[in-house]
Amino acid sequence: MSWRGDQDDAVVVVHMLVENVLKHVAPHCEGIVELGLTVTEDEELLVDVTDPDPTFDGFSQAAAAQSITGLGTVRALDGEITLSIPEDAKTKTVRVRLEPKPVSPLLLPARPLR
C-alpha cells in the first residue's frame, strides 16, 4: 500500500484482527470474512474486518486490554479500535485506525564498501 506509516505495525494489526475472527467466530459461525484497507486523506490507515457474527461479548474489555495478545497488541501499537453493527444486525465490523508515525530505521551492521 502507499501508506506512509509503519508497514510492520499494519501487518500485525491485520494478523491480530483476522486471528480473532478465526478463534472466536469461525468455530461456530459460517459465512464470509471481509478485510478492507483504506488510506484516508489524512494519511491514516483504516483496517476493517467484517464477519458474519454480529455479537462481540466483552468488546469494551477486549479493546481496553493491556495484554500482549489480540486487541491488547493492537492498542499497544496505538491503534484506535471501534466496533460497528449495521441495522440489519447480520454482521459486525471491527475497525482499527492507525496514524502514520515514523518508522524506526533498521540498525544493520556496517559493511565495507567495495
N, C-alpha and C. Protein backbone atom coordinates (compact mmCIF):
# COMPACT_ATOMS: atom_id res chain seq x y z
N MET A 1 0.83 -1.19 0.00
CA MET A 1 0.00 0.00 0.00
C MET A 1 0.87 1.25 0.00
N SER A 2 0.27 2.33 -0.30
CA SER A 2 1.01 3.58 -0.32
C SER A 2 0.90 4.32 1.02
N TRP A 3 0.66 3.61 2.09
CA TRP A 3 0.57 4.23 3.41
C TRP A 3 1.96 4.54 3.91
N ARG A 4 2.16 5.74 4.44
CA ARG A 4 3.48 6.17 4.89
C ARG A 4 3.79 5.75 6.32
N GLY A 5 2.90 5.01 6.94
CA GLY A 5 3.13 4.57 8.31
C GLY A 5 3.97 3.31 8.36
N ASP A 6 4.06 2.75 9.54
CA ASP A 6 4.87 1.56 9.78
C ASP A 6 4.14 0.33 9.22
N GLN A 7 4.66 -0.19 8.13
CA GLN A 7 4.04 -1.34 7.46
C GLN A 7 4.02 -2.57 8.37
N ASP A 8 5.05 -2.74 9.18
CA ASP A 8 5.08 -3.88 10.11
C ASP A 8 3.94 -3.79 11.12
N ASP A 9 3.68 -2.60 11.64
CA ASP A 9 2.55 -2.41 12.55
C ASP A 9 1.25 -2.77 11.86
N ALA A 10 1.10 -2.34 10.62
CA ALA A 10 -0.13 -2.63 9.86
C ALA A 10 -0.33 -4.13 9.70
N VAL A 11 0.74 -4.85 9.40
CA VAL A 11 0.65 -6.30 9.23
C VAL A 11 0.26 -6.97 10.55
N VAL A 12 0.81 -6.50 11.66
CA VAL A 12 0.46 -7.06 12.97
C VAL A 12 -1.02 -6.82 13.26
N VAL A 13 -1.53 -5.63 12.97
CA VAL A 13 -2.94 -5.32 13.21
C VAL A 13 -3.83 -6.24 12.38
N VAL A 14 -3.54 -6.39 11.10
CA VAL A 14 -4.33 -7.28 10.25
C VAL A 14 -4.29 -8.70 10.81
N HIS A 15 -3.11 -9.15 11.16
CA HIS A 15 -2.96 -10.51 11.71
C HIS A 15 -3.82 -10.70 12.96
N MET A 16 -3.75 -9.76 13.89
CA MET A 16 -4.50 -9.89 15.14
C MET A 16 -6.00 -9.89 14.90
N LEU A 17 -6.49 -9.02 14.03
CA LEU A 17 -7.93 -8.97 13.77
C LEU A 17 -8.43 -10.25 13.10
N VAL A 18 -7.69 -10.73 12.12
CA VAL A 18 -8.10 -11.96 11.43
C VAL A 18 -7.97 -13.16 12.37
N GLU A 19 -6.92 -13.20 13.16
CA GLU A 19 -6.75 -14.29 14.12
C GLU A 19 -7.91 -14.32 15.12
N ASN A 20 -8.37 -13.15 15.57
CA ASN A 20 -9.51 -13.10 16.49
C ASN A 20 -10.76 -13.70 15.85
N VAL A 21 -10.99 -13.41 14.56
CA VAL A 21 -12.15 -13.98 13.88
C VAL A 21 -12.01 -15.51 13.81
N LEU A 22 -10.83 -15.98 13.48
CA LEU A 22 -10.63 -17.43 13.37
C LEU A 22 -10.82 -18.13 14.70
N LYS A 23 -10.40 -17.50 15.79
CA LYS A 23 -10.54 -18.11 17.12
C LYS A 23 -11.96 -18.04 17.66
N HIS A 24 -12.60 -16.88 17.48
CA HIS A 24 -13.85 -16.63 18.19
C HIS A 24 -15.12 -16.72 17.34
N VAL A 25 -15.01 -16.58 16.03
CA VAL A 25 -16.19 -16.60 15.18
C VAL A 25 -16.26 -17.86 14.34
N ALA A 26 -15.19 -18.20 13.66
CA ALA A 26 -15.19 -19.32 12.72
C ALA A 26 -15.65 -20.65 13.32
N PRO A 27 -15.30 -20.97 14.56
CA PRO A 27 -15.73 -22.27 15.09
C PRO A 27 -17.24 -22.44 15.21
N HIS A 28 -18.01 -21.36 15.30
CA HIS A 28 -19.46 -21.51 15.50
C HIS A 28 -20.32 -20.76 14.47
N CYS A 29 -19.69 -20.24 13.44
CA CYS A 29 -20.45 -19.41 12.51
C CYS A 29 -19.90 -19.59 11.09
N GLU A 30 -20.79 -19.74 10.12
CA GLU A 30 -20.37 -19.83 8.72
C GLU A 30 -20.64 -18.52 8.00
N GLY A 31 -19.82 -18.21 7.05
CA GLY A 31 -20.04 -17.01 6.27
C GLY A 31 -18.73 -16.45 5.77
N ILE A 32 -18.81 -15.26 5.23
CA ILE A 32 -17.66 -14.61 4.62
C ILE A 32 -17.05 -13.62 5.60
N VAL A 33 -15.72 -13.61 5.63
CA VAL A 33 -14.98 -12.60 6.39
C VAL A 33 -14.35 -11.67 5.36
N GLU A 34 -14.55 -10.37 5.55
CA GLU A 34 -14.01 -9.39 4.62
C GLU A 34 -12.96 -8.54 5.32
N LEU A 35 -11.88 -8.28 4.60
CA LEU A 35 -10.81 -7.41 5.09
C LEU A 35 -10.75 -6.20 4.18
N GLY A 36 -10.78 -5.02 4.77
CA GLY A 36 -10.68 -3.79 4.00
C GLY A 36 -9.57 -2.92 4.53
N LEU A 37 -8.78 -2.36 3.63
CA LEU A 37 -7.70 -1.44 3.99
C LEU A 37 -7.92 -0.14 3.23
N THR A 38 -7.93 0.97 3.96
CA THR A 38 -8.16 2.28 3.34
C THR A 38 -7.16 3.27 3.90
N VAL A 39 -6.56 4.06 3.03
CA VAL A 39 -5.71 5.17 3.46
C VAL A 39 -6.54 6.43 3.27
N THR A 40 -6.74 7.19 4.35
CA THR A 40 -7.56 8.39 4.30
C THR A 40 -6.76 9.58 3.77
N GLU A 41 -7.46 10.68 3.52
CA GLU A 41 -6.79 11.90 3.08
C GLU A 41 -5.80 12.41 4.13
N ASP A 42 -6.04 12.07 5.40
CA ASP A 42 -5.16 12.49 6.49
C ASP A 42 -4.02 11.49 6.72
N GLU A 43 -3.86 10.55 5.77
CA GLU A 43 -2.80 9.54 5.84
C GLU A 43 -2.98 8.55 6.99
N GLU A 44 -4.21 8.39 7.44
CA GLU A 44 -4.49 7.36 8.43
C GLU A 44 -4.80 6.06 7.70
N LEU A 45 -4.47 4.94 8.33
CA LEU A 45 -4.80 3.63 7.77
C LEU A 45 -5.99 3.09 8.53
N LEU A 46 -7.05 2.72 7.80
CA LEU A 46 -8.21 2.07 8.40
C LEU A 46 -8.18 0.61 8.02
N VAL A 47 -8.19 -0.25 9.02
CA VAL A 47 -8.22 -1.69 8.81
C VAL A 47 -9.58 -2.17 9.30
N ASP A 48 -10.41 -2.68 8.39
CA ASP A 48 -11.75 -3.16 8.73
C ASP A 48 -11.82 -4.66 8.52
N VAL A 49 -12.31 -5.37 9.53
CA VAL A 49 -12.58 -6.79 9.40
C VAL A 49 -14.06 -6.99 9.72
N THR A 50 -14.81 -7.47 8.73
CA THR A 50 -16.24 -7.71 8.88
C THR A 50 -16.46 -9.21 8.86
N ASP A 51 -17.26 -9.68 9.84
CA ASP A 51 -17.54 -11.12 9.91
C ASP A 51 -19.03 -11.35 10.11
N PRO A 52 -19.49 -12.60 9.91
CA PRO A 52 -20.92 -12.89 9.93
C PRO A 52 -21.53 -13.08 11.32
N ASP A 53 -20.82 -12.75 12.39
CA ASP A 53 -21.37 -12.88 13.74
C ASP A 53 -21.55 -11.48 14.33
N PRO A 54 -22.78 -11.02 14.50
CA PRO A 54 -23.00 -9.65 14.96
C PRO A 54 -22.72 -9.44 16.45
N THR A 55 -22.31 -10.47 17.16
CA THR A 55 -22.06 -10.31 18.59
C THR A 55 -20.56 -10.20 18.86
N PHE A 56 -20.23 -9.48 19.91
CA PHE A 56 -18.85 -9.41 20.40
C PHE A 56 -18.95 -9.13 21.89
N ASP A 57 -19.30 -10.18 22.63
CA ASP A 57 -19.41 -10.05 24.07
C ASP A 57 -18.06 -9.65 24.65
N GLY A 58 -18.06 -8.66 25.49
CA GLY A 58 -16.82 -8.22 26.12
C GLY A 58 -15.95 -7.34 25.24
N PHE A 59 -16.54 -6.70 24.21
CA PHE A 59 -15.74 -5.87 23.32
C PHE A 59 -15.01 -4.77 24.09
N SER A 60 -15.70 -4.08 24.97
CA SER A 60 -15.08 -2.97 25.70
C SER A 60 -13.88 -3.43 26.49
N GLN A 61 -14.01 -4.59 27.15
CA GLN A 61 -12.89 -5.11 27.92
C GLN A 61 -11.74 -5.53 27.01
N ALA A 62 -12.07 -6.17 25.89
CA ALA A 62 -11.03 -6.61 24.95
C ALA A 62 -10.30 -5.41 24.33
N ALA A 63 -11.06 -4.37 24.00
CA ALA A 63 -10.46 -3.19 23.38
C ALA A 63 -9.61 -2.40 24.37
N ALA A 64 -9.90 -2.53 25.66
CA ALA A 64 -9.14 -1.81 26.68
C ALA A 64 -8.03 -2.68 27.30
N ALA A 65 -7.89 -3.90 26.83
CA ALA A 65 -6.94 -4.84 27.42
C ALA A 65 -5.51 -4.32 27.37
N GLN A 66 -4.78 -4.65 28.39
CA GLN A 66 -3.36 -4.28 28.47
C GLN A 66 -2.47 -5.50 28.16
N SER A 67 -3.08 -6.56 27.66
CA SER A 67 -2.32 -7.78 27.38
C SER A 67 -1.50 -7.63 26.11
N ILE A 68 -0.68 -8.63 25.84
CA ILE A 68 0.15 -8.60 24.63
C ILE A 68 -0.40 -9.53 23.56
N THR A 69 -1.68 -9.84 23.66
CA THR A 69 -2.33 -10.66 22.65
C THR A 69 -3.59 -9.96 22.16
N GLY A 70 -4.06 -10.35 21.01
CA GLY A 70 -5.32 -9.84 20.49
C GLY A 70 -5.38 -8.32 20.42
N LEU A 71 -6.50 -7.77 20.87
CA LEU A 71 -6.70 -6.33 20.77
C LEU A 71 -5.76 -5.55 21.68
N GLY A 72 -5.23 -6.19 22.71
CA GLY A 72 -4.22 -5.52 23.54
C GLY A 72 -2.98 -5.18 22.74
N THR A 73 -2.59 -6.06 21.85
CA THR A 73 -1.45 -5.80 20.97
C THR A 73 -1.76 -4.63 20.04
N VAL A 74 -2.97 -4.61 19.52
CA VAL A 74 -3.38 -3.52 18.63
C VAL A 74 -3.32 -2.18 19.37
N ARG A 75 -3.79 -2.16 20.60
CA ARG A 75 -3.73 -0.93 21.41
C ARG A 75 -2.29 -0.51 21.66
N ALA A 76 -1.42 -1.49 21.91
CA ALA A 76 -0.01 -1.19 22.17
C ALA A 76 0.65 -0.53 20.96
N LEU A 77 0.09 -0.76 19.78
CA LEU A 77 0.60 -0.14 18.55
C LEU A 77 -0.11 1.19 18.27
N ASP A 78 -0.83 1.70 19.26
CA ASP A 78 -1.57 2.96 19.16
C ASP A 78 -2.75 2.88 18.20
N GLY A 79 -3.29 1.68 18.03
CA GLY A 79 -4.48 1.53 17.19
C GLY A 79 -5.73 1.94 17.94
N GLU A 80 -6.58 2.72 17.29
CA GLU A 80 -7.88 3.09 17.86
C GLU A 80 -8.89 2.07 17.36
N ILE A 81 -9.52 1.34 18.28
CA ILE A 81 -10.38 0.21 17.94
C ILE A 81 -11.84 0.59 18.13
N THR A 82 -12.66 0.33 17.10
CA THR A 82 -14.09 0.56 17.22
C THR A 82 -14.85 -0.64 16.69
N LEU A 83 -16.10 -0.76 17.12
CA LEU A 83 -16.98 -1.84 16.70
C LEU A 83 -18.24 -1.22 16.12
N SER A 84 -18.68 -1.73 14.97
CA SER A 84 -19.95 -1.26 14.41
C SER A 84 -20.77 -2.46 13.96
N ILE A 85 -22.07 -2.34 14.22
CA ILE A 85 -23.02 -3.38 13.83
C ILE A 85 -24.10 -2.68 13.01
N PRO A 86 -24.33 -3.12 11.76
CA PRO A 86 -25.33 -2.46 10.93
C PRO A 86 -26.75 -2.69 11.46
N GLU A 87 -27.70 -1.91 10.95
CA GLU A 87 -29.08 -2.02 11.41
C GLU A 87 -29.66 -3.42 11.26
N ASP A 88 -29.26 -4.14 10.20
CA ASP A 88 -29.83 -5.49 10.00
C ASP A 88 -29.24 -6.51 10.97
N ALA A 89 -28.19 -6.13 11.72
CA ALA A 89 -27.57 -6.97 12.75
C ALA A 89 -27.19 -8.37 12.25
N LYS A 90 -26.70 -8.43 11.01
CA LYS A 90 -26.28 -9.72 10.46
C LYS A 90 -24.76 -9.88 10.47
N THR A 91 -24.05 -8.77 10.65
CA THR A 91 -22.58 -8.80 10.66
C THR A 91 -22.09 -7.82 11.72
N LYS A 92 -20.78 -7.77 11.86
CA LYS A 92 -20.15 -6.72 12.65
C LYS A 92 -18.83 -6.38 11.98
N THR A 93 -18.37 -5.17 12.22
CA THR A 93 -17.07 -4.74 11.71
C THR A 93 -16.25 -4.20 12.85
N VAL A 94 -15.05 -4.74 12.99
CA VAL A 94 -14.07 -4.19 13.92
C VAL A 94 -13.12 -3.36 13.07
N ARG A 95 -12.97 -2.10 13.46
CA ARG A 95 -12.11 -1.18 12.71
C ARG A 95 -10.96 -0.73 13.62
N VAL A 96 -9.78 -0.68 13.04
CA VAL A 96 -8.63 -0.11 13.72
C VAL A 96 -8.12 1.04 12.87
N ARG A 97 -7.92 2.17 13.53
CA ARG A 97 -7.37 3.35 12.86
C ARG A 97 -5.95 3.55 13.35
N LEU A 98 -5.02 3.60 12.41
CA LEU A 98 -3.61 3.83 12.72
C LEU A 98 -3.17 5.14 12.09
N GLU A 99 -2.55 5.96 12.88
CA GLU A 99 -1.97 7.19 12.33
C GLU A 99 -0.55 6.87 11.87
N PRO A 100 -0.11 7.53 10.80
CA PRO A 100 1.27 7.27 10.37
C PRO A 100 2.23 7.83 11.42
N LYS A 101 3.26 7.08 11.69
CA LYS A 101 4.31 7.54 12.59
C LYS A 101 5.63 7.15 11.97
N PRO A 102 6.67 7.82 12.34
CA PRO A 102 7.95 7.50 11.73
C PRO A 102 8.32 6.04 11.96
N VAL A 103 8.85 5.44 10.93
CA VAL A 103 9.30 4.06 11.01
C VAL A 103 10.69 4.06 11.60
N SER A 104 10.91 3.17 12.58
CA SER A 104 12.24 3.07 13.17
C SER A 104 13.22 2.53 12.14
N PRO A 105 14.34 3.19 11.95
CA PRO A 105 15.32 2.67 10.97
C PRO A 105 15.92 1.37 11.47
N LEU A 106 16.17 0.49 10.55
CA LEU A 106 16.83 -0.77 10.89
C LEU A 106 18.28 -0.51 11.22
N LEU A 107 18.72 -1.11 12.27
CA LEU A 107 20.13 -0.97 12.63
C LEU A 107 20.87 -2.18 12.08
N LEU A 108 21.50 -1.99 10.97
CA LEU A 108 22.22 -3.07 10.32
C LEU A 108 23.71 -2.89 10.53
N PRO A 109 24.43 -3.98 10.64
CA PRO A 109 25.88 -3.84 10.79
C PRO A 109 26.48 -3.19 9.54
N ALA A 110 27.44 -2.32 9.78
CA ALA A 110 28.10 -1.64 8.66
C ALA A 110 28.91 -2.64 7.86
N ARG A 111 28.85 -2.53 6.55
CA ARG A 111 29.66 -3.37 5.67
C ARG A 111 30.61 -2.49 4.89
N PRO A 112 31.78 -2.97 4.68
CA PRO A 112 32.72 -2.15 3.90
C PRO A 112 32.23 -1.99 2.47
N LEU A 113 32.43 -0.82 1.90
CA LEU A 113 32.09 -0.58 0.51
C LEU A 113 33.11 -1.24 -0.39
N ARG A 114 32.68 -1.72 -1.50
CA ARG A 114 33.60 -2.38 -2.43
C ARG A 114 33.84 -1.51 -3.62
